[in-house]
C-alpha atoms as a PDB file:
ATOM      1  CA  MET A   1     -61.396  62.607  28.963  1.00  0.00           C
ATOM      2  CA  ASN A   2     -63.332  60.955  31.750  1.00  0.00           C
ATOM      3  CA  PRO A   3     -62.811  62.007  35.408  1.00  0.00           C
ATOM      4  CA  GLU A   4     -60.632  58.975  36.196  1.00  0.00           C
ATOM      5  CA  GLN A   5     -58.304  59.685  33.271  1.00  0.00           C
ATOM      6  CA  LEU A   6     -58.148  63.338  34.272  1.00  0.00           C
ATOM      7  CA  GLN A   7     -57.225  62.381  37.831  1.00  0.00           C
ATOM      8  CA  GLN A   8     -54.493  60.031  36.586  1.00  0.00           C
ATOM      9  CA  MET A   9     -53.101  62.731  34.289  1.00  0.00           C
ATOM     10  CA  VAL A  10     -53.027  65.296  37.112  1.00  0.00           C
ATOM     11  CA  LYS A  11     -51.287  62.790  39.392  1.00  0.00           C
ATOM     12  CA  TRP A  12     -48.703  62.007  36.691  1.00  0.00           C
ATOM     13  CA  LEU A  13     -48.039  65.700  36.002  1.00  0.00           C
ATOM     14  CA  ASN A  14     -47.588  66.423  39.709  1.00  0.00           C
ATOM     15  CA  GLN A  15     -45.091  63.567  39.973  1.00  0.00           C
ATOM     16  CA  GLN A  16     -43.190  64.864  36.952  1.00  0.00           C
ATOM     17  CA  ILE A  17     -42.972  68.309  38.575  1.00  0.00           C
ATOM     18  CA  ILE A  18     -41.586  66.739  41.760  1.00  0.00           C
ATOM     19  CA  ASN A  19     -39.061  64.719  39.751  1.00  0.00           C
ATOM     20  CA  SER A  20     -38.027  67.809  37.803  1.00  0.00           C
ATOM     21  CA  ASN A  21     -37.454  69.758  41.016  1.00  0.00           C
ATOM     22  CA  GLU A  22     -35.282  66.995  42.451  1.00  0.00           C
ATOM     23  CA  SER A  23     -33.270  66.670  39.247  1.00  0.00           C
ATOM     24  CA  MET A  24     -32.884  70.456  38.988  1.00  0.00           C
ATOM     25  CA  ASN A  25     -31.464  70.560  42.511  1.00  0.00           C
ATOM     26  CA  GLU A  26     -28.976  67.803  41.665  1.00  0.00           C
ATOM     27  CA  ALA A  27     -27.955  69.550  38.440  1.00  0.00           C
ATOM     28  CA  HIS A  28     -27.463  72.812  40.306  1.00  0.00           C
ATOM     29  CA  GLN A  29     -25.320  71.161  42.967  1.00  0.00           C
ATOM     30  CA  THR A  30     -23.083  69.641  40.295  1.00  0.00           C
ATOM     31  CA  ASN A  31     -22.926  72.938  38.374  1.00  0.00           C
ATOM     32  CA  ASN A  32     -24.625  71.362  35.358  1.00  0.00           C
ATOM     33  CA  TYR A  33     -26.490  74.511  34.413  1.00  0.00           C
ATOM     34  CA  CYS A  34     -27.397  73.318  30.907  1.00  0.00           C
ATOM     35  CA  LYS A  35     -29.277  70.326  32.333  1.00  0.00           C
ATOM     36  CA  GLU A  36     -30.814  72.521  35.006  1.00  0.00           C
ATOM     37  CA  THR A  37     -32.141  74.867  32.334  1.00  0.00           C
ATOM     38  CA  GLN A  38     -33.572  71.972  30.301  1.00  0.00           C
ATOM     39  CA  LEU A  39     -35.310  70.593  33.366  1.00  0.00           C
ATOM     40  CA  GLU A  40     -36.689  74.015  34.207  1.00  0.00           C
ATOM     41  CA  GLY A  41     -38.283  74.154  30.746  1.00  0.00           C
ATOM     42  CA  MET A  42     -39.782  70.716  31.215  1.00  0.00           C
ATOM     43  CA  LYS A  43     -41.152  71.682  34.613  1.00  0.00           C
ATOM     44  CA  GLU A  44     -42.703  74.804  33.131  1.00  0.00           C
ATOM     45  CA  ALA A  45     -44.375  72.732  30.395  1.00  0.00           C
ATOM     46  CA  TYR A  46     -45.768  70.290  32.964  1.00  0.00           C
ATOM     47  CA  MET A  47     -47.102  73.191  35.012  1.00  0.00           C
ATOM     48  CA  LYS A  48     -48.792  74.755  31.970  1.00  0.00           C
ATOM     49  CA  CYS A  49     -50.500  71.449  31.185  1.00  0.00           C
ATOM     50  CA  LEU A  50     -51.598  71.072  34.773  1.00  0.00           C
ATOM     51  CA  ASN A  51     -52.976  74.603  34.765  1.00  0.00           C
ATOM     52  CA  LYS A  52     -54.985  73.948  31.589  1.00  0.00           C
ATOM     53  CA  LEU A  53     -56.376  70.707  33.004  1.00  0.00           C
ATOM     54  CA  SER A  54     -57.419  72.422  36.227  1.00  0.00           C
ATOM     55  CA  LYS A  55     -59.523  74.884  34.181  1.00  0.00           C
ATOM     56  CA  MET A  56     -61.563  72.056  32.620  1.00  0.00           C
END
């Protein structure tokens, strides 16, 4: 992966984390705990990917 692709991937992952946080807050406010839990798992996966990319 070239540096430009890496930068784009990091930017995309960060945006997905932000989106997950916003959606988790909405799900919590509407007491949709199943969706909140799903989103939390997605956020965790995005964060793991981001962490692995930052170690490259």
